[in-house]
Amino acid sequence: MNKKDQLNKTLVEKILDKEKIPYQQLELPWEEKHDVAQLQYDKLSVDPNKIYKTLALTGNVTGPVIAVIPLNHTVVYKLFAKASGNKKVGLIPLKDLQKTTGYEHGANTPIGIHATHPFPIFIDQQAAIDETIIISAGKIGRSIAIKSTDLAQIVAGTFAQISEEKK
């Protein structure tokens, strides 16, 4: 991508630049449905199996805790609770999401959250197999492709079995 075609950098990309961690800027098509940003799967130019979502949950012991899982997966509360040192976990209500993470639904990013909040971050072990994954760059419609090991390093993340493929 030449300089003219480059997108303005998000805070996440600036953090990665500062840490000299390589990534690729991406724009993904989205639309608003029921006041929530949704990916337009039929217009994707990347492998949807490499796209990961960032979920903010709360644990009965830890408080807020972050899960990074494949887009086509669902978090398994029992596995995630065990991995995160909780007995119970649940999603943070949508109305409290931006207040908790600093990001609106559809823009949550483990890198941005880690930069401003000390929440524990767990990355599904599938990411270690995929090697390079796509995560939000902290702005709706903007993403980055990054090595999963680089992501784990910059957010002090832990790989764990925390999700399963949607049925």
C-alpha atoms as a PDB file:
ATOM      1  CA  MET A   1       0.000   0.000   0.000  1.00  0.00           C
ATOM      2  CA  ASN A   2       1.569   3.308  -0.987  1.00  0.00           C
ATOM      3  CA  LYS A   3       1.433   6.333   1.279  1.00  0.00           C
ATOM      4  CA  LYS A   4      -1.467   7.916  -0.646  1.00  0.00           C
ATOM      5  CA  ASP A   5      -3.588   4.758  -0.234  1.00  0.00           C
ATOM      6  CA  GLN A   6      -2.752   4.301   3.456  1.00  0.00           C
ATOM      7  CA  LEU A   7      -5.543   4.756   5.963  1.00  0.00           C
ATOM      8  CA  ASN A   8      -5.245   7.228   8.825  1.00  0.00           C
ATOM      9  CA  LYS A   9      -3.804   5.310  11.749  1.00  0.00           C
ATOM     10  CA  THR A  10      -5.949   4.315  14.696  1.00  0.00           C
ATOM     11  CA  LEU A  11      -4.641   4.384  18.275  1.00  0.00           C
ATOM     12  CA  VAL A  12      -4.109   0.618  18.024  1.00  0.00           C
ATOM     13  CA  GLU A  13      -1.934   0.994  14.927  1.00  0.00           C
ATOM     14  CA  LYS A  14       0.069   3.772  16.567  1.00  0.00           C
ATOM     15  CA  ILE A  15       0.672   1.510  19.586  1.00  0.00           C
ATOM     16  CA  LEU A  16       1.889  -1.285  17.287  1.00  0.00           C
ATOM     17  CA  ASP A  17       4.144   1.131  15.378  1.00  0.00           C
ATOM     18  CA  LYS A  18       5.669   2.353  18.635  1.00  0.00           C
ATOM     19  CA  GLU A  19       6.367  -1.242  19.708  1.00  0.00           C
ATOM     20  CA  LYS A  20       7.664  -2.102  16.206  1.00  0.00           C
ATOM     21  CA  ILE A  21       5.146  -4.926  15.814  1.00  0.00           C
ATOM     22  CA  PRO A  22       4.244  -5.655  12.174  1.00  0.00           C
ATOM     23  CA  TYR A  23       0.602  -5.656  11.066  1.00  0.00           C
ATOM     24  CA  GLN A  24      -1.481  -5.043   7.974  1.00  0.00           C
ATOM     25  CA  GLN A  25      -4.218  -2.391   7.827  1.00  0.00           C
ATOM     26  CA  LEU A  26      -7.615  -3.611   6.609  1.00  0.00           C
ATOM     27  CA  GLU A  27     -11.011  -2.084   5.950  1.00  0.00           C
ATOM     28  CA  LEU A  28     -13.906  -4.521   6.308  1.00  0.00           C
ATOM     29  CA  PRO A  29     -17.433  -3.829   4.993  1.00  0.00           C
ATOM     30  CA  TRP A  30     -20.075  -3.275   7.647  1.00  0.00           C
ATOM     31  CA  GLU A  31     -23.602  -2.043   8.090  1.00  0.00           C
ATOM     32  CA  GLU A  32     -25.718  -0.970  11.022  1.00  0.00           C
ATOM     33  CA  LYS A  33     -28.494  -3.361  12.013  1.00  0.00           C
ATOM     34  CA  HIS A  34     -30.666  -2.703  15.043  1.00  0.00           C
ATOM     35  CA  ASP A  35     -28.244  -0.015  16.272  1.00  0.00           C
ATOM     36  CA  VAL A  36     -25.325  -2.462  16.179  1.00  0.00           C
ATOM     37  CA  ALA A  37     -22.468  -2.627  13.642  1.00  0.00           C
ATOM     38  CA  GLN A  38     -22.469  -5.904  11.694  1.00  0.00           C
ATOM     39  CA  LEU A  39     -19.929  -7.274   9.195  1.00  0.00           C
ATOM     40  CA  GLN A  40     -21.218  -7.778   5.666  1.00  0.00           C
ATOM     41  CA  TYR A  41     -20.024 -11.360   5.157  1.00  0.00           C
ATOM     42  CA  ASP A  42     -21.042 -11.469   1.503  1.00  0.00           C
ATOM     43  CA  LYS A  43     -18.674  -8.574   0.728  1.00  0.00           C
ATOM     44  CA  LEU A  44     -15.558  -9.768   2.597  1.00  0.00           C
ATOM     45  CA  SER A  45     -12.278  -9.924   0.704  1.00  0.00           C
ATOM     46  CA  VAL A  46     -10.538 -11.869   3.496  1.00  0.00           C
ATOM     47  CA  ASP A  47     -11.014 -15.359   4.916  1.00  0.00           C
ATOM     48  CA  PRO A  48     -13.806 -14.976   7.523  1.00  0.00           C
ATOM     49  CA  ASN A  49     -12.285 -17.890   9.491  1.00  0.00           C
ATOM     50  CA  LYS A  50      -9.288 -15.660  10.301  1.00  0.00           C
ATOM     51  CA  ILE A  51     -11.455 -12.868  11.780  1.00  0.00           C
ATOM     52  CA  TYR A  52     -11.572 -12.749  15.575  1.00  0.00           C
ATOM     53  CA  LYS A  53     -13.958 -10.828  17.808  1.00  0.00           C
ATOM     54  CA  THR A  54     -13.200  -9.234  21.155  1.00  0.00           C
ATOM     55  CA  LEU A  55     -15.745  -9.893  23.897  1.00  0.00           C
ATOM     56  CA  ALA A  56     -15.906  -8.120  27.232  1.00  0.00           C
ATOM     57  CA  LEU A  57     -17.149 -10.267  30.068  1.00  0.00           C
ATOM     58  CA  THR A  58     -17.223  -9.941  33.807  1.00  0.00           C
ATOM     59  CA  GLY A  59     -16.173 -12.624  36.259  1.00  0.00           C
ATOM     60  CA  ASN A  60     -17.354 -13.069  39.827  1.00  0.00           C
ATOM     61  CA  VAL A  61     -13.711 -12.996  41.031  1.00  0.00           C
ATOM     62  CA  THR A  62     -11.773 -10.917  38.486  1.00  0.00           C
ATOM     63  CA  GLY A  63     -14.346  -8.355  37.377  1.00  0.00           C
ATOM     64  CA  PRO A  64     -13.926  -7.425  33.684  1.00  0.00           C
ATOM     65  CA  VAL A  65     -12.067  -9.965  31.587  1.00  0.00           C
ATOM     66  CA  ILE A  66     -11.540 -10.024  27.812  1.00  0.00           C
ATOM     67  CA  ALA A  67     -11.978 -12.932  25.371  1.00  0.00           C
ATOM     68  CA  VAL A  68     -10.617 -12.966  21.816  1.00  0.00           C
ATOM     69  CA  ILE A  69     -12.304 -15.731  19.831  1.00  0.00           C
ATOM     70  CA  PRO A  70     -12.918 -16.630  16.175  1.00  0.00           C
ATOM     71  CA  LEU A  71     -15.906 -14.834  14.679  1.00  0.00           C
ATOM     72  CA  ASN A  72     -17.621 -18.136  13.870  1.00  0.00           C
ATOM     73  CA  HIS A  73     -17.261 -19.343  17.484  1.00  0.00           C
ATOM     74  CA  THR A  74     -19.129 -18.729  20.681  1.00  0.00           C
ATOM     75  CA  VAL A  75     -17.505 -18.359  24.086  1.00  0.00           C
ATOM     76  CA  VAL A  76     -18.030 -21.365  26.376  1.00  0.00           C
ATOM     77  CA  TYR A  77     -18.717 -19.770  29.740  1.00  0.00           C
ATOM     78  CA  LYS A  78     -17.609 -22.793  31.764  1.00  0.00           C
ATOM     79  CA  LEU A  79     -14.256 -23.047  29.948  1.00  0.00           C
ATOM     80  CA  PHE A  80     -13.718 -19.298  30.041  1.00  0.00           C
ATOM     81  CA  ALA A  81     -14.563 -19.065  33.746  1.00  0.00           C
ATOM     82  CA  LYS A  82     -12.046 -21.809  34.549  1.00  0.00           C
ATOM     83  CA  ALA A  83      -9.309 -20.298  32.352  1.00  0.00           C
ATOM     84  CA  SER A  84      -9.824 -16.841  33.857  1.00  0.00           C
ATOM     85  CA  GLY A  85      -9.943 -17.956  37.506  1.00  0.00           C
ATOM     86  CA  ASN A  86     -13.666 -17.348  37.974  1.00  0.00           C
ATOM     87  CA  LYS A  87     -16.560 -19.561  38.984  1.00  0.00           C
ATOM     88  CA  LYS A  88     -18.975 -17.633  36.766  1.00  0.00           C
ATOM     89  CA  VAL A  89     -18.638 -15.244  33.841  1.00  0.00           C
ATOM     90  CA  GLY A  90     -21.150 -13.351  31.743  1.00  0.00           C
ATOM     91  CA  LEU A  91     -21.140 -10.787  28.977  1.00  0.00           C
ATOM     92  CA  ILE A  92     -21.019  -7.158  30.020  1.00  0.00           C
ATOM     93  CA  PRO A  93     -24.388  -5.600  29.087  1.00  0.00           C
ATOM     94  CA  LEU A  94     -24.305  -3.604  25.852  1.00  0.00           C
ATOM     95  CA  LYS A  95     -25.349  -0.444  27.720  1.00  0.00           C
ATOM     96  CA  ASP A  96     -22.213  -0.722  29.919  1.00  0.00           C
ATOM     97  CA  LEU A  97     -19.769  -1.800  27.216  1.00  0.00           C
ATOM     98  CA  GLN A  98     -18.325   1.562  26.168  1.00  0.00           C
ATOM     99  CA  LYS A  99     -18.094   2.743  29.775  1.00  0.00           C
ATOM    100  CA  THR A 100     -16.167  -0.426  30.683  1.00  0.00           C
ATOM    101  CA  THR A 101     -13.823  -0.878  27.694  1.00  0.00           C
ATOM    102  CA  GLY A 102     -13.761   2.575  26.103  1.00  0.00           C
ATOM    103  CA  TYR A 103     -14.993   1.116  22.806  1.00  0.00           C
ATOM    104  CA  GLU A 104     -18.418   0.831  21.215  1.00  0.00           C
ATOM    105  CA  HIS A 105     -19.855  -2.531  20.160  1.00  0.00           C
ATOM    106  CA  GLY A 106     -18.081  -3.623  16.963  1.00  0.00           C
ATOM    107  CA  ALA A 107     -14.893  -1.693  17.715  1.00  0.00           C
ATOM    108  CA  ASN A 108     -13.607  -3.445  20.841  1.00  0.00           C
ATOM    109  CA  THR A 109      -9.969  -4.362  20.461  1.00  0.00           C
ATOM    110  CA  PRO A 110      -7.706  -6.213  22.890  1.00  0.00           C
ATOM    111  CA  ILE A 111      -4.794  -3.866  22.123  1.00  0.00           C
ATOM    112  CA  GLY A 112      -6.723  -0.673  22.862  1.00  0.00           C
ATOM    113  CA  ILE A 113      -8.390  -2.141  25.938  1.00  0.00           C
ATOM    114  CA  HIS A 114      -5.040  -3.354  27.290  1.00  0.00           C
ATOM    115  CA  ALA A 115      -3.514   0.108  26.753  1.00  0.00           C
ATOM    116  CA  THR A 116      -6.072   1.728  29.068  1.00  0.00           C
ATOM    117  CA  HIS A 117      -7.357  -1.035  31.377  1.00  0.00           C
ATOM    118  CA  PRO A 118      -5.530  -3.813  33.258  1.00  0.00           C
ATOM    119  CA  PHE A 119      -8.162  -6.452  32.393  1.00  0.00           C
ATOM    120  CA  PRO A 120      -6.911 -10.028  31.910  1.00  0.00           C
ATOM    121  CA  ILE A 121      -7.029 -11.046  28.233  1.00  0.00           C
ATOM    122  CA  PHE A 122      -7.518 -14.600  26.980  1.00  0.00           C
ATOM    123  CA  ILE A 123      -7.069 -15.572  23.335  1.00  0.00           C
ATOM    124  CA  ASP A 124      -8.680 -18.744  22.042  1.00  0.00           C
ATOM    125  CA  GLN A 125      -6.063 -21.390  21.331  1.00  0.00           C
ATOM    126  CA  GLN A 126      -7.295 -21.577  17.717  1.00  0.00           C
ATOM    127  CA  ALA A 127      -5.389 -18.288  17.177  1.00  0.00           C
ATOM    128  CA  ALA A 128      -2.099 -20.055  17.876  1.00  0.00           C
ATOM    129  CA  ILE A 129      -2.958 -22.543  15.141  1.00  0.00           C
ATOM    130  CA  ASP A 130      -4.057 -19.812  12.707  1.00  0.00           C
ATOM    131  CA  GLU A 131      -0.818 -17.862  13.335  1.00  0.00           C
ATOM    132  CA  THR A 132      -2.073 -14.650  11.683  1.00  0.00           C
ATOM    133  CA  ILE A 133      -5.483 -13.373  12.724  1.00  0.00           C
ATOM    134  CA  ILE A 134      -7.640 -10.336  11.987  1.00  0.00           C
ATOM    135  CA  ILE A 135      -8.845  -8.205  14.898  1.00  0.00           C
ATOM    136  CA  SER A 136     -10.473  -4.818  15.264  1.00  0.00           C
ATOM    137  CA  ALA A 137      -8.223  -1.767  15.017  1.00  0.00           C
ATOM    138  CA  GLY A 138     -10.488   0.090  17.462  1.00  0.00           C
ATOM    139  CA  LYS A 139     -12.802   1.693  14.933  1.00  0.00           C
ATOM    140  CA  ILE A 140     -15.848   0.213  13.222  1.00  0.00           C
ATOM    141  CA  GLY A 141     -14.884  -1.038   9.767  1.00  0.00           C
ATOM    142  CA  ARG A 142     -11.165  -0.995  10.546  1.00  0.00           C
ATOM    143  CA  SER A 143      -9.147  -4.089  11.341  1.00  0.00           C
ATOM    144  CA  ILE A 144      -5.595  -5.322  11.366  1.00  0.00           C
ATOM    145  CA  ALA A 145      -3.974  -8.622  10.464  1.00  0.00           C
ATOM    146  CA  ILE A 146      -1.405  -9.544  13.124  1.00  0.00           C
ATOM    147  CA  LYS A 147       0.524 -12.628  14.229  1.00  0.00           C
ATOM    148  CA  SER A 148      -1.301 -14.185  17.161  1.00  0.00           C
ATOM    149  CA  THR A 149       1.944 -14.488  19.131  1.00  0.00           C
ATOM    150  CA  ASP A 150       2.602 -10.750  18.660  1.00  0.00           C
ATOM    151  CA  LEU A 151      -0.926 -10.005  19.880  1.00  0.00           C
ATOM    152  CA  ALA A 152      -0.450 -12.195  22.953  1.00  0.00           C
ATOM    153  CA  GLN A 153       2.857 -10.472  23.698  1.00  0.00           C
ATOM    154  CA  ILE A 154       1.573  -6.889  23.450  1.00  0.00           C
ATOM    155  CA  VAL A 155      -1.573  -7.511  25.556  1.00  0.00           C
ATOM    156  CA  ALA A 156       0.014  -9.985  28.013  1.00  0.00           C
ATOM    157  CA  GLY A 157      -2.593 -12.428  26.725  1.00  0.00           C
ATOM    158  CA  THR A 158      -2.977 -16.082  27.564  1.00  0.00           C
ATOM    159  CA  PHE A 159      -3.899 -18.734  24.985  1.00  0.00           C
ATOM    160  CA  ALA A 160      -6.646 -21.053  26.254  1.00  0.00           C
ATOM    161  CA  GLN A 161      -9.503 -23.225  25.029  1.00  0.00           C
ATOM    162  CA  ILE A 162     -12.387 -20.794  25.655  1.00  0.00           C
ATOM    163  CA  SER A 163     -14.745 -21.210  22.690  1.00  0.00           C
ATOM    164  CA  GLU A 164     -16.380 -23.645  20.312  1.00  0.00           C
ATOM    165  CA  GLU A 165     -17.616 -23.359  16.765  1.00  0.00           C
ATOM    166  CA  LYS A 166     -21.221 -22.160  16.458  1.00  0.00           C
ATOM    167  CA  LYS A 167     -23.638 -24.912  15.584  1.00  0.00           C
END
